[in-house]
N, C-alpha and C. Protein backbone atom coordinates (compact mmCIF):
# COMPACT_ATOMS: atom_id res chain seq x y z
N MET A 1 33.12 80.76 -86.55
CA MET A 1 33.16 79.55 -87.03
C MET A 1 31.99 78.65 -86.99
N PRO A 2 30.78 78.02 -87.69
CA PRO A 2 29.88 76.80 -87.42
C PRO A 2 30.73 75.54 -87.20
N PHE A 3 29.84 74.99 -86.67
CA PHE A 3 30.58 73.07 -86.14
C PHE A 3 32.11 73.78 -85.45
N GLY A 4 32.92 74.76 -85.01
CA GLY A 4 34.13 74.75 -84.54
C GLY A 4 35.07 74.11 -85.26
N ASP A 5 36.30 73.84 -85.29
CA ASP A 5 36.75 73.68 -86.10
C ASP A 5 37.27 72.42 -86.93
N SER A 6 36.35 71.24 -86.65
CA SER A 6 35.64 70.42 -87.47
C SER A 6 34.68 70.86 -88.66
N TRP A 7 34.96 71.84 -88.96
CA TRP A 7 33.95 72.24 -90.51
C TRP A 7 34.80 72.64 -91.69
N ARG A 8 35.12 72.00 -92.63
CA ARG A 8 35.73 72.78 -93.54
C ARG A 8 34.59 72.86 -95.02
N VAL A 9 35.23 73.71 -95.44
CA VAL A 9 34.56 74.27 -96.88
C VAL A 9 34.06 73.76 -97.78
N GLY A 10 33.44 73.45 -98.09
CA GLY A 10 32.75 72.49 -99.04
C GLY A 10 33.26 71.11 -99.16
N GLU A 11 32.79 70.60 -97.83
CA GLU A 11 33.28 68.97 -97.28
C GLU A 11 31.52 68.63 -96.29
N ALA A 12 30.63 67.85 -96.87
CA ALA A 12 29.25 67.89 -96.25
C ALA A 12 29.65 67.20 -95.10
N ILE A 13 28.60 67.26 -94.10
CA ILE A 13 29.02 66.80 -92.79
C ILE A 13 27.36 65.80 -92.80
N ASP A 14 28.21 64.51 -92.33
CA ASP A 14 26.87 63.18 -92.03
C ASP A 14 26.13 63.49 -90.87
N ALA A 15 24.46 63.74 -90.26
CA ALA A 15 24.65 64.02 -89.12
C ALA A 15 24.42 62.87 -88.21
N ALA A 16 24.51 61.86 -88.84
CA ALA A 16 25.32 60.65 -88.03
C ALA A 16 25.82 61.05 -87.66
N ASP A 17 27.24 61.60 -88.33
CA ASP A 17 28.72 61.94 -87.32
C ASP A 17 28.85 62.54 -85.80
N LEU A 18 27.70 63.19 -85.59
CA LEU A 18 27.50 64.03 -84.87
C LEU A 18 26.74 63.68 -83.80
N LEU A 19 26.95 62.20 -83.74
CA LEU A 19 25.91 61.10 -83.14
C LEU A 19 26.79 60.41 -82.17
N ALA A 20 26.60 60.34 -81.10
CA ALA A 20 27.66 59.16 -79.92
C ALA A 20 27.12 57.80 -80.54
N PRO A 21 28.54 57.14 -80.90
CA PRO A 21 27.64 55.66 -81.51
C PRO A 21 26.96 54.54 -79.98
N GLU A 22 25.69 53.84 -80.49
CA GLU A 22 25.89 53.21 -79.32
C GLU A 22 26.14 51.70 -79.12
N PRO A 23 26.45 52.02 -77.64
CA PRO A 23 27.35 50.51 -77.51
C PRO A 23 26.55 49.29 -77.82
N ALA A 24 27.43 48.25 -78.72
CA ALA A 24 27.13 46.92 -78.57
C ALA A 24 26.36 46.14 -77.26
N PRO A 25 25.06 45.77 -77.75
CA PRO A 25 24.29 44.78 -76.65
C PRO A 25 25.44 44.32 -76.01
N GLU A 26 25.52 43.89 -74.60
CA GLU A 26 25.65 42.86 -73.50
C GLU A 26 25.75 41.55 -74.17
N ALA A 27 26.71 40.68 -74.40
CA ALA A 27 26.36 39.24 -75.07
C ALA A 27 25.78 38.72 -73.75
N ALA A 28 24.60 37.54 -74.72
CA ALA A 28 24.34 37.16 -73.16
C ALA A 28 25.44 36.34 -72.23
N ALA A 29 25.20 36.33 -70.95
CA ALA A 29 26.97 35.45 -70.26
C ALA A 29 26.20 33.67 -70.85
N GLU A 30 27.49 33.02 -70.76
CA GLU A 30 27.42 31.71 -71.56
C GLU A 30 26.67 30.77 -70.11
N ALA A 31 26.20 29.78 -70.87
CA ALA A 31 25.75 29.03 -69.71
C ALA A 31 27.04 28.67 -68.73
N PRO A 32 27.40 28.19 -67.67
CA PRO A 32 28.53 27.24 -66.97
C PRO A 32 28.07 25.77 -67.82
N PRO A 33 29.60 24.65 -67.68
CA PRO A 33 29.22 23.45 -68.17
C PRO A 33 28.63 22.82 -67.47
N ALA A 34 28.10 21.32 -67.73
CA ALA A 34 27.48 20.95 -66.83
C ALA A 34 27.68 20.13 -65.47
N ALA A 35 28.79 20.13 -66.01
CA ALA A 35 29.83 19.56 -64.71
C ALA A 35 30.15 20.36 -63.64
N VAL A 36 30.40 21.36 -64.53
CA VAL A 36 30.38 23.05 -63.33
C VAL A 36 29.09 23.00 -61.83
N LEU A 37 28.04 23.28 -62.94
CA LEU A 37 26.90 22.67 -62.23
C LEU A 37 25.98 21.82 -61.23
N ALA A 38 26.87 20.88 -61.73
CA ALA A 38 26.39 19.39 -61.38
C ALA A 38 26.90 19.45 -60.19
N GLN A 39 28.18 19.74 -60.37
CA GLN A 39 29.12 19.99 -59.07
C GLN A 39 28.67 20.79 -57.60
N ARG A 40 28.40 22.15 -58.15
CA ARG A 40 27.42 22.56 -57.12
C ARG A 40 26.12 22.17 -56.72
N ALA A 41 25.58 21.17 -57.73
CA ALA A 41 24.66 21.16 -56.78
C ALA A 41 25.15 19.80 -55.80
N ILE A 42 25.87 18.81 -55.70
CA ILE A 42 26.61 18.07 -54.88
C ILE A 42 27.42 18.67 -53.99
N GLU A 43 27.60 19.68 -54.12
CA GLU A 43 27.80 20.38 -52.54
C GLU A 43 27.31 20.64 -51.73
N LEU A 44 25.87 21.34 -52.45
CA LEU A 44 25.22 21.34 -51.49
C LEU A 44 23.70 20.74 -50.50
N LEU A 45 24.54 19.29 -51.25
CA LEU A 45 23.85 18.39 -50.54
C LEU A 45 24.52 17.82 -48.91
N THR A 46 23.34 18.16 -48.10
CA THR A 46 23.67 17.26 -47.18
C THR A 46 24.16 16.14 -46.75
N LEU A 47 25.04 15.92 -46.70
CA LEU A 47 25.52 14.31 -46.12
C LEU A 47 26.40 13.60 -44.65
N ASP A 48 25.61 13.50 -43.84
CA ASP A 48 26.36 13.59 -42.86
C ASP A 48 27.17 12.61 -43.01
N GLN A 49 28.07 12.65 -41.41
CA GLN A 49 28.62 11.44 -41.16
C GLN A 49 28.15 10.00 -40.98
N PRO A 50 27.75 9.03 -41.08
CA PRO A 50 27.10 8.07 -40.76
C PRO A 50 27.22 7.78 -38.93
N ALA A 51 26.48 7.88 -38.25
CA ALA A 51 26.80 7.46 -36.86
C ALA A 51 26.47 5.97 -36.39
N LEU A 52 27.79 5.61 -36.05
CA LEU A 52 27.74 4.10 -36.04
C LEU A 52 27.38 3.81 -34.84
N ARG A 53 26.85 2.36 -34.85
CA ARG A 53 26.44 1.30 -34.04
C ARG A 53 27.26 -0.19 -34.15
N THR A 54 27.34 -0.38 -32.86
CA THR A 54 27.80 -2.03 -32.88
C THR A 54 26.66 -2.46 -31.79
N SER A 55 26.76 -3.72 -31.69
CA SER A 55 25.59 -4.63 -30.79
C SER A 55 26.83 -4.67 -29.53
N THR A 56 28.17 -4.39 -29.61
CA THR A 56 29.04 -4.35 -28.96
C THR A 56 29.24 -3.67 -27.51
N GLY A 57 28.50 -2.36 -27.86
CA GLY A 57 28.75 -1.10 -26.99
C GLY A 57 30.27 -0.87 -26.90
N GLY A 58 31.04 -1.38 -27.33
CA GLY A 58 32.31 -0.39 -27.51
C GLY A 58 33.60 -1.53 -27.07
N SER A 59 33.02 -2.95 -26.36
CA SER A 59 33.89 -3.79 -26.48
C SER A 59 33.06 -5.10 -27.14
N GLY A 60 33.56 -6.26 -27.25
CA GLY A 60 33.53 -7.52 -27.34
C GLY A 60 34.55 -9.06 -27.33
N PHE A 61 33.96 -9.68 -28.29
CA PHE A 61 35.09 -10.93 -27.46
C PHE A 61 35.11 -11.65 -28.67
N VAL A 62 36.18 -12.41 -28.97
CA VAL A 62 36.51 -12.77 -30.13
C VAL A 62 35.49 -14.20 -30.12
N GLY A 63 34.98 -14.30 -31.28
CA GLY A 63 34.13 -15.48 -31.74
C GLY A 63 32.58 -15.37 -31.44
N VAL A 64 32.79 -14.12 -31.14
CA VAL A 64 31.40 -12.92 -31.07
C VAL A 64 30.77 -12.75 -31.93
N PRO A 65 29.39 -13.06 -32.75
CA PRO A 65 29.09 -12.11 -33.75
C PRO A 65 28.78 -10.81 -32.90
N VAL A 66 29.38 -9.51 -33.98
CA VAL A 66 28.94 -8.37 -33.89
C VAL A 66 28.07 -7.71 -35.08
N TRP A 67 27.12 -7.17 -34.57
CA TRP A 67 25.80 -6.43 -35.69
C TRP A 67 26.66 -5.16 -35.69
N LEU A 68 26.72 -4.95 -37.19
CA LEU A 68 27.15 -3.43 -37.59
C LEU A 68 25.88 -2.67 -38.33
N TRP A 69 26.05 -1.22 -37.77
CA TRP A 69 24.59 -0.66 -38.69
C TRP A 69 25.11 0.48 -38.18
N ILE A 70 24.29 1.83 -39.08
CA ILE A 70 24.08 3.19 -39.07
C ILE A 70 22.83 3.64 -38.60
N GLU A 71 23.08 4.73 -38.25
CA GLU A 71 21.64 5.46 -37.86
C GLU A 71 20.92 5.69 -38.78
N ASP A 72 19.40 5.62 -39.68
CA ASP A 72 18.69 5.19 -40.83
C ASP A 72 17.99 6.64 -40.90
N GLY A 73 18.79 7.80 -41.41
CA GLY A 73 17.75 9.21 -41.28
C GLY A 73 18.21 9.70 -42.63
N ALA A 74 17.85 10.98 -43.23
CA ALA A 74 17.57 11.32 -44.88
C ALA A 74 19.30 11.68 -45.21
N ALA A 75 19.65 12.40 -44.09
CA ALA A 75 21.05 13.14 -43.95
C ALA A 75 22.14 11.96 -43.79
N THR A 76 21.77 10.64 -43.38
CA THR A 76 22.91 9.41 -43.34
C THR A 76 22.74 8.09 -44.12
N ALA A 77 21.40 7.84 -44.66
CA ALA A 77 21.62 6.95 -45.51
C ALA A 77 20.15 7.29 -47.22
N GLY A 78 19.64 8.82 -46.71
CA GLY A 78 18.68 9.12 -48.02
C GLY A 78 17.61 8.85 -48.36
N PRO A 79 17.45 9.04 -49.38
CA PRO A 79 17.69 10.20 -50.65
C PRO A 79 17.70 11.48 -49.71
N VAL A 80 18.81 11.87 -50.58
CA VAL A 80 18.83 13.77 -50.54
C VAL A 80 19.04 14.08 -51.73
N SER A 81 18.11 15.38 -51.98
CA SER A 81 18.70 16.34 -53.24
C SER A 81 19.02 17.62 -53.15
N ALA A 82 19.54 18.35 -53.97
CA ALA A 82 20.05 19.43 -53.77
C ALA A 82 19.47 20.43 -55.36
N THR A 83 19.93 21.44 -55.73
CA THR A 83 19.39 21.89 -56.62
C THR A 83 20.57 23.70 -57.43
N ALA A 84 21.06 22.97 -57.98
CA ALA A 84 21.99 25.01 -58.18
C ALA A 84 21.65 25.12 -59.33
N THR A 85 21.41 26.15 -59.69
CA THR A 85 21.28 27.00 -60.75
C THR A 85 21.90 28.22 -61.48
N ALA A 86 22.07 28.13 -62.72
CA ALA A 86 22.83 29.78 -63.12
C ALA A 86 22.04 29.81 -64.68
N GLY A 87 21.29 31.42 -64.21
CA GLY A 87 20.48 31.84 -65.46
C GLY A 87 19.40 30.80 -65.44
N ALA A 88 19.32 30.37 -67.14
CA ALA A 88 18.13 29.32 -67.16
C ALA A 88 19.00 28.28 -67.00
N SER A 89 19.84 27.78 -66.17
CA SER A 89 20.65 26.99 -66.45
C SER A 89 20.40 25.96 -65.31
N ARG A 90 20.29 24.51 -65.07
CA ARG A 90 19.38 24.30 -63.54
C ARG A 90 19.70 22.52 -63.93
N VAL A 91 20.70 22.04 -62.70
CA VAL A 91 20.94 20.94 -62.13
C VAL A 91 20.43 20.44 -60.77
N THR A 92 19.93 18.88 -60.59
CA THR A 92 19.28 19.11 -59.19
C THR A 92 20.24 17.59 -59.08
N ALA A 93 20.68 17.36 -57.96
CA ALA A 93 21.17 15.64 -57.69
C ALA A 93 21.00 15.17 -56.71
N THR A 94 20.61 13.86 -56.62
CA THR A 94 20.17 13.08 -55.57
C THR A 94 20.93 11.82 -55.23
N ALA A 95 21.33 12.23 -54.06
CA ALA A 95 22.26 11.43 -53.18
C ALA A 95 21.17 9.99 -52.90
N ARG A 96 21.62 8.65 -52.93
CA ARG A 96 20.98 7.67 -52.43
C ARG A 96 22.37 6.39 -51.83
N LEU A 97 22.20 5.96 -50.47
CA LEU A 97 23.02 5.15 -49.78
C LEU A 97 23.08 4.01 -50.72
N ALA A 98 24.19 3.61 -51.19
CA ALA A 98 24.37 2.61 -52.33
C ALA A 98 24.99 1.47 -51.42
N ARG A 99 25.94 1.55 -50.04
CA ARG A 99 26.28 0.66 -49.21
C ARG A 99 27.13 1.05 -48.26
N VAL A 100 27.75 -0.01 -47.37
CA VAL A 100 28.49 0.64 -46.23
C VAL A 100 29.80 0.09 -46.08
N GLU A 101 30.90 0.54 -46.05
CA GLU A 101 31.94 -0.41 -46.28
C GLU A 101 32.85 -0.14 -44.85
N TRP A 102 32.95 -1.42 -43.92
CA TRP A 102 33.42 -1.27 -43.01
C TRP A 102 34.94 -2.10 -43.00
N ARG A 103 36.04 -1.34 -42.62
CA ARG A 103 36.81 -1.91 -42.30
C ARG A 103 37.36 -2.05 -40.66
N MET A 104 37.56 -3.43 -40.13
CA MET A 104 37.33 -3.91 -38.66
C MET A 104 38.73 -3.13 -38.03
N GLY A 105 39.60 -3.21 -38.55
CA GLY A 105 40.78 -3.32 -38.02
C GLY A 105 41.97 -3.93 -38.29
N PRO A 106 41.56 -5.81 -38.15
CA PRO A 106 42.92 -6.57 -38.69
C PRO A 106 43.01 -6.60 -39.96
N PRO A 107 43.88 -6.42 -40.51
CA PRO A 107 44.58 -6.48 -41.97
C PRO A 107 43.66 -7.56 -42.85
N GLY A 108 42.92 -6.75 -43.77
CA GLY A 108 42.17 -7.71 -44.66
C GLY A 108 40.37 -7.64 -43.99
N ALA A 109 40.42 -6.67 -42.91
CA ALA A 109 39.12 -7.23 -42.32
C ALA A 109 38.30 -6.02 -42.79
N VAL A 110 37.22 -6.42 -43.76
CA VAL A 110 36.31 -5.33 -44.45
C VAL A 110 35.05 -6.02 -44.83
N VAL A 111 34.14 -5.32 -44.34
CA VAL A 111 32.90 -6.17 -44.40
C VAL A 111 31.99 -5.03 -45.53
N SER A 112 31.31 -5.31 -46.68
CA SER A 112 30.76 -4.69 -47.30
C SER A 112 29.27 -4.44 -47.41
N CYS A 113 28.41 -3.93 -46.98
CA CYS A 113 27.43 -3.93 -46.78
C CYS A 113 25.69 -2.91 -47.19
N ASP A 114 25.44 -3.51 -48.36
CA ASP A 114 24.10 -3.12 -48.91
C ASP A 114 22.89 -2.57 -47.85
N GLY A 115 23.22 -1.03 -48.08
CA GLY A 115 22.36 -0.37 -47.11
C GLY A 115 22.73 -0.04 -45.61
N PRO A 116 21.81 0.50 -44.76
CA PRO A 116 22.26 1.33 -43.36
C PRO A 116 22.85 -0.13 -42.32
N GLY A 117 22.33 -1.13 -42.57
CA GLY A 117 22.36 -2.79 -41.33
C GLY A 117 21.00 -2.26 -40.68
N THR A 118 20.82 -3.54 -39.80
CA THR A 118 19.85 -3.83 -39.46
C THR A 118 20.61 -3.74 -37.59
N PRO A 119 19.44 -2.60 -36.97
CA PRO A 119 19.66 -2.01 -35.63
C PRO A 119 20.11 -3.34 -34.60
N TRP A 120 20.71 -3.74 -33.71
CA TRP A 120 20.56 -4.72 -32.68
C TRP A 120 19.85 -4.66 -31.73
N ALA A 121 18.91 -5.39 -31.21
CA ALA A 121 17.99 -5.26 -30.15
C ALA A 121 17.85 -6.46 -28.79
N GLY A 122 18.83 -6.82 -29.16
CA GLY A 122 19.16 -7.89 -27.91
C GLY A 122 19.12 -9.66 -28.58
N GLN A 123 18.72 -9.20 -30.26
CA GLN A 123 18.66 -10.74 -30.61
C GLN A 123 19.67 -11.73 -30.69
N SER A 124 19.76 -12.68 -30.69
CA SER A 124 21.00 -13.93 -30.60
C SER A 124 21.38 -13.92 -32.38
N GLY A 125 22.40 -14.66 -32.21
CA GLY A 125 23.30 -14.76 -33.52
C GLY A 125 23.76 -13.68 -34.57
N PRO A 126 23.85 -14.03 -35.59
CA PRO A 126 24.53 -13.11 -36.19
C PRO A 126 23.22 -11.83 -36.77
N SER A 127 23.84 -10.87 -37.63
CA SER A 127 23.59 -9.72 -38.07
C SER A 127 22.64 -10.39 -39.36
N PRO A 128 21.61 -10.28 -40.13
CA PRO A 128 21.05 -10.23 -41.20
C PRO A 128 22.00 -10.09 -42.49
N ASP A 129 22.07 -8.86 -42.72
CA ASP A 129 22.43 -8.17 -43.24
C ASP A 129 23.98 -7.70 -42.89
N CYS A 130 24.57 -7.24 -41.63
CA CYS A 130 25.50 -6.21 -41.87
C CYS A 130 26.39 -7.28 -40.26
N GLY A 131 27.83 -7.78 -40.31
CA GLY A 131 28.48 -8.26 -39.33
C GLY A 131 29.16 -8.80 -39.49
N TYR A 132 30.13 -8.81 -38.63
CA TYR A 132 31.69 -9.20 -38.39
C TYR A 132 32.12 -10.17 -37.23
N VAL A 133 32.72 -11.19 -37.29
CA VAL A 133 32.96 -11.84 -35.70
C VAL A 133 34.71 -11.92 -35.95
N PHE A 134 35.40 -11.29 -35.20
CA PHE A 134 36.43 -11.23 -35.33
C PHE A 134 37.34 -12.61 -34.19
N GLU A 135 38.69 -12.44 -35.29
CA GLU A 135 39.18 -13.68 -34.75
C GLU A 135 40.36 -13.58 -33.93
N GLN A 136 40.50 -12.07 -34.02
CA GLN A 136 41.77 -12.06 -33.03
C GLN A 136 41.83 -10.66 -32.05
N ARG A 137 42.08 -10.66 -30.49
CA ARG A 137 42.11 -9.80 -29.28
C ARG A 137 42.81 -8.59 -30.69
N SER A 138 42.78 -6.92 -29.64
CA SER A 138 42.74 -6.30 -29.70
C SER A 138 43.71 -6.23 -28.74
N LEU A 139 45.19 -6.79 -28.98
CA LEU A 139 46.15 -6.15 -28.27
C LEU A 139 47.16 -5.11 -28.46
N PRO A 140 48.21 -4.23 -27.25
CA PRO A 140 48.67 -3.77 -27.83
C PRO A 140 49.46 -3.19 -28.92
N GLU A 141 49.73 -4.59 -28.79
CA GLU A 141 51.27 -4.49 -29.94
C GLU A 141 50.68 -5.09 -31.03
N ARG A 142 49.15 -5.17 -31.49
CA ARG A 142 48.59 -5.35 -32.98
C ARG A 142 48.19 -3.74 -33.03
N THR A 143 47.79 -3.06 -32.58
CA THR A 143 46.46 -1.64 -32.15
C THR A 143 47.50 -0.58 -31.90
N SER A 144 48.92 -0.70 -32.53
CA SER A 144 49.58 0.48 -31.85
C SER A 144 49.67 0.89 -30.79
N GLY A 145 49.28 0.19 -30.18
CA GLY A 145 49.24 0.42 -28.35
C GLY A 145 48.05 1.04 -27.80
N THR A 146 46.78 0.93 -28.83
CA THR A 146 45.86 1.48 -27.63
C THR A 146 45.27 0.75 -27.58
N GLY A 147 45.24 -1.16 -27.83
CA GLY A 147 44.56 -2.10 -27.15
C GLY A 147 43.16 -1.95 -27.66
N ALA A 148 42.56 -1.30 -28.49
CA ALA A 148 41.47 -1.18 -29.80
C ALA A 148 41.53 -1.26 -30.57
N TRP A 149 40.68 -2.16 -31.73
CA TRP A 149 40.57 -2.32 -33.47
C TRP A 149 41.02 -0.51 -33.03
N GLU A 150 40.52 0.25 -34.74
CA GLU A 150 40.22 1.27 -34.95
C GLU A 150 39.01 0.84 -36.15
N VAL A 151 38.01 1.00 -36.22
CA VAL A 151 36.80 0.85 -37.21
C VAL A 151 36.55 1.82 -38.05
N VAL A 152 36.83 2.22 -39.30
CA VAL A 152 36.27 2.90 -40.16
C VAL A 152 35.38 2.61 -41.28
N ALA A 153 33.81 3.08 -41.14
CA ALA A 153 32.70 2.82 -41.57
C ALA A 153 32.82 3.76 -43.12
N THR A 154 32.74 3.31 -43.98
CA THR A 154 32.41 4.63 -45.35
C THR A 154 31.30 4.53 -45.53
N ALA A 155 30.43 5.51 -45.80
CA ALA A 155 29.11 6.10 -46.57
C ALA A 155 29.60 5.67 -47.75
N VAL A 156 29.19 4.64 -48.62
CA VAL A 156 29.27 5.10 -50.57
C VAL A 156 27.78 5.27 -50.48
N TRP A 157 27.93 6.94 -51.13
CA TRP A 157 26.69 7.42 -51.80
C TRP A 157 26.66 7.38 -53.74
N THR A 158 25.64 6.90 -53.91
CA THR A 158 25.68 7.21 -55.69
C THR A 158 25.29 8.20 -55.85
N VAL A 159 25.13 9.44 -56.66
CA VAL A 159 25.30 10.59 -56.68
C VAL A 159 24.22 10.96 -58.20
N SER A 160 23.00 11.00 -58.82
CA SER A 160 22.38 11.01 -60.16
C SER A 160 22.02 12.47 -60.46
N TRP A 161 22.92 12.90 -61.55
CA TRP A 161 22.21 14.44 -61.55
C TRP A 161 21.84 14.41 -62.92
N ASN A 162 20.69 15.55 -62.95
CA ASN A 162 19.85 16.07 -64.35
C ASN A 162 19.59 17.27 -64.20
N GLY A 163 19.27 17.70 -65.18
CA GLY A 163 18.89 18.93 -65.51
C GLY A 163 18.89 19.68 -67.31
N VAL A 164 18.68 21.09 -67.47
CA VAL A 164 19.16 21.43 -68.37
C VAL A 164 20.32 22.56 -68.23
N SER A 165 21.50 22.66 -69.18
CA SER A 165 22.31 23.47 -69.33
C SER A 165 22.34 24.22 -70.41
N GLY A 166 22.47 25.40 -70.88
CA GLY A 166 22.47 25.71 -72.43
C GLY A 166 21.58 25.37 -73.44
N GLY A 167 20.14 25.32 -72.68
CA GLY A 167 18.88 24.75 -73.72
C GLY A 167 19.07 23.28 -74.09
N GLU A 168 19.97 22.35 -73.23
CA GLU A 168 19.84 21.21 -73.65
C GLU A 168 19.72 20.59 -72.21
N PRO A 169 19.39 18.94 -72.43
CA PRO A 169 19.22 18.14 -71.24
C PRO A 169 20.36 17.83 -71.25
N VAL A 170 20.82 17.60 -69.65
CA VAL A 170 22.45 16.69 -69.23
C VAL A 170 21.92 15.58 -68.19
N ASP A 171 22.67 15.07 -67.47
CA ASP A 171 22.44 13.99 -66.53
C ASP A 171 24.09 13.10 -66.38
N GLY A 172 24.38 12.42 -65.35
CA GLY A 172 24.83 11.90 -65.43
C GLY A 172 25.23 11.44 -63.85
N GLN A 173 26.39 11.01 -62.95
CA GLN A 173 26.25 10.12 -61.83
C GLN A 173 27.55 10.24 -61.27
N GLU A 174 27.86 10.12 -59.92
CA GLU A 174 29.25 10.15 -59.41
C GLU A 174 28.96 9.53 -58.11
N ILE A 175 29.93 8.99 -57.99
CA ILE A 175 30.40 8.77 -56.04
C ILE A 175 30.75 9.07 -55.30
N VAL A 176 30.54 9.52 -54.04
CA VAL A 176 30.42 10.48 -52.82
C VAL A 176 31.31 9.11 -51.80
N GLU A 177 31.75 9.71 -51.17
CA GLU A 177 32.27 8.77 -50.16
C GLU A 177 32.12 9.55 -48.73
N VAL A 178 31.85 9.21 -47.59
CA VAL A 178 31.43 9.84 -46.50
C VAL A 178 31.46 9.02 -45.19
N PRO A 179 33.42 8.90 -44.90
CA PRO A 179 34.05 7.83 -43.65
C PRO A 179 33.62 8.46 -42.03
N ALA A 180 33.40 7.75 -40.89
CA ALA A 180 33.74 8.00 -39.81
C ALA A 180 34.18 6.94 -38.91
N THR A 181 34.50 7.22 -38.06
CA THR A 181 35.75 6.22 -37.14
C THR A 181 35.15 6.23 -36.12
N THR A 182 35.14 4.49 -35.32
CA THR A 182 34.94 4.31 -34.09
C THR A 182 35.99 3.10 -33.47
N ALA A 183 36.24 3.17 -32.25
CA ALA A 183 36.97 1.80 -31.82
C ALA A 183 35.82 0.33 -31.19
N LEU A 184 36.95 -0.55 -31.11
CA LEU A 184 36.28 -1.92 -30.50
C LEU A 184 37.44 -2.52 -29.57
N GLU A 185 37.35 -2.65 -28.54
CA GLU A 185 38.26 -3.54 -27.95
C GLU A 185 37.26 -4.97 -27.84
N ILE A 186 38.57 -5.55 -28.12
CA ILE A 186 37.95 -7.12 -28.77
C ILE A 186 38.85 -7.64 -27.49
N GLY A 187 38.50 -8.71 -26.04
CA GLY A 187 38.89 -9.58 -25.81
C GLY A 187 38.32 -11.16 -26.19
N GLU A 188 38.90 -11.77 -24.79
CA GLU A 188 38.97 -13.28 -25.09
C GLU A 188 37.93 -14.00 -24.25
N ILE A 189 37.27 -14.64 -24.45
CA ILE A 189 36.29 -15.32 -23.59
C ILE A 189 37.21 -16.28 -22.48
N GLN A 190 37.50 -16.20 -21.46
CA GLN A 190 37.96 -17.14 -20.75
C GLN A 190 37.25 -18.24 -20.13
N VAL A 191 37.40 -19.90 -20.20
CA VAL A 191 36.44 -20.80 -19.63
C VAL A 191 37.23 -21.67 -18.23
N LEU A 192 36.05 -21.58 -17.55
CA LEU A 192 36.98 -22.27 -15.96
C LEU A 192 36.56 -23.27 -16.34
N VAL A 193 36.87 -24.18 -16.00
CA VAL A 193 36.64 -25.96 -15.73
C VAL A 193 36.53 -26.07 -14.00
N ALA A 194 35.70 -26.71 -13.84
CA ALA A 194 35.25 -27.13 -12.21
C ALA A 194 36.37 -27.38 -12.00
N GLY A 195 36.36 -27.49 -10.76
CA GLY A 195 37.98 -27.32 -10.36
C GLY A 195 38.88 -27.30 -10.12
N GLU A 196 38.77 -26.15 -11.33
CA GLU A 196 40.20 -25.30 -11.12
C GLU A 196 40.30 -23.71 -10.96
N THR A 197 41.70 -23.53 -10.28
CA THR A 197 41.55 -22.17 -9.86
C THR A 197 42.27 -21.57 -10.63
N ARG A 198 42.28 -20.16 -10.37
CA ARG A 198 43.63 -19.35 -10.99
C ARG A 198 43.38 -17.85 -10.24
C-alpha cells in the first residue's frame, strides 16, 4: 500500500506534511542587566591593600606629630580600570582613590586624608596633609594587653562605570573600601631635671 498505513482512499496528502518541521531560530541571548555587568568589571579591578607607612617606624611618643601615608602606586592609589563584556554589551569600571581613613586606636581617633598622604623624609613638624598626634600612651590596659595601638587604614575608592548594555548607554558609581592594619607603640618622653637621679 503506497505511503504505508498513513494513506487513505480519497484523502489528499500535502507534501509539506511529509517534511520534518524546521526548528525555530534560537532567540538571541538577552543582555545581562547593567548592574550585573558593572559588578563583573569591578571584581576585575586590581585594588591592593594599602601599604601603610608612618614616620614613627612602629613606635612613637605622646605629643609628637606622626606622619601618615600609603605607598602611591596604580594598585594602591589609582587610577585602575577593567572591562567586562557579554556579547555586544560592554562596561568599563575605573577606580580612583578618594581618601584614606585612619583609625588610630584610641576611641574616636579618626583621621580622614584626601589622597595617599605625604611621605616623611626627616622633616620636622606635622604632616601637611595627613597626620596625627597621640595624646595617650599605648598601655596594655588600653590595648587589650598588646601594648600597641591597632591602626586601621581604609582606602576608600570611587568607582565610576560606563558602557553599553542591551544597546543602551549605561553609567553609574560605587564606593569600594579596602582596609589594612598595623600597630604603633606609643610611649612618653621622660624629661630629666639636672641634679635629679632616677
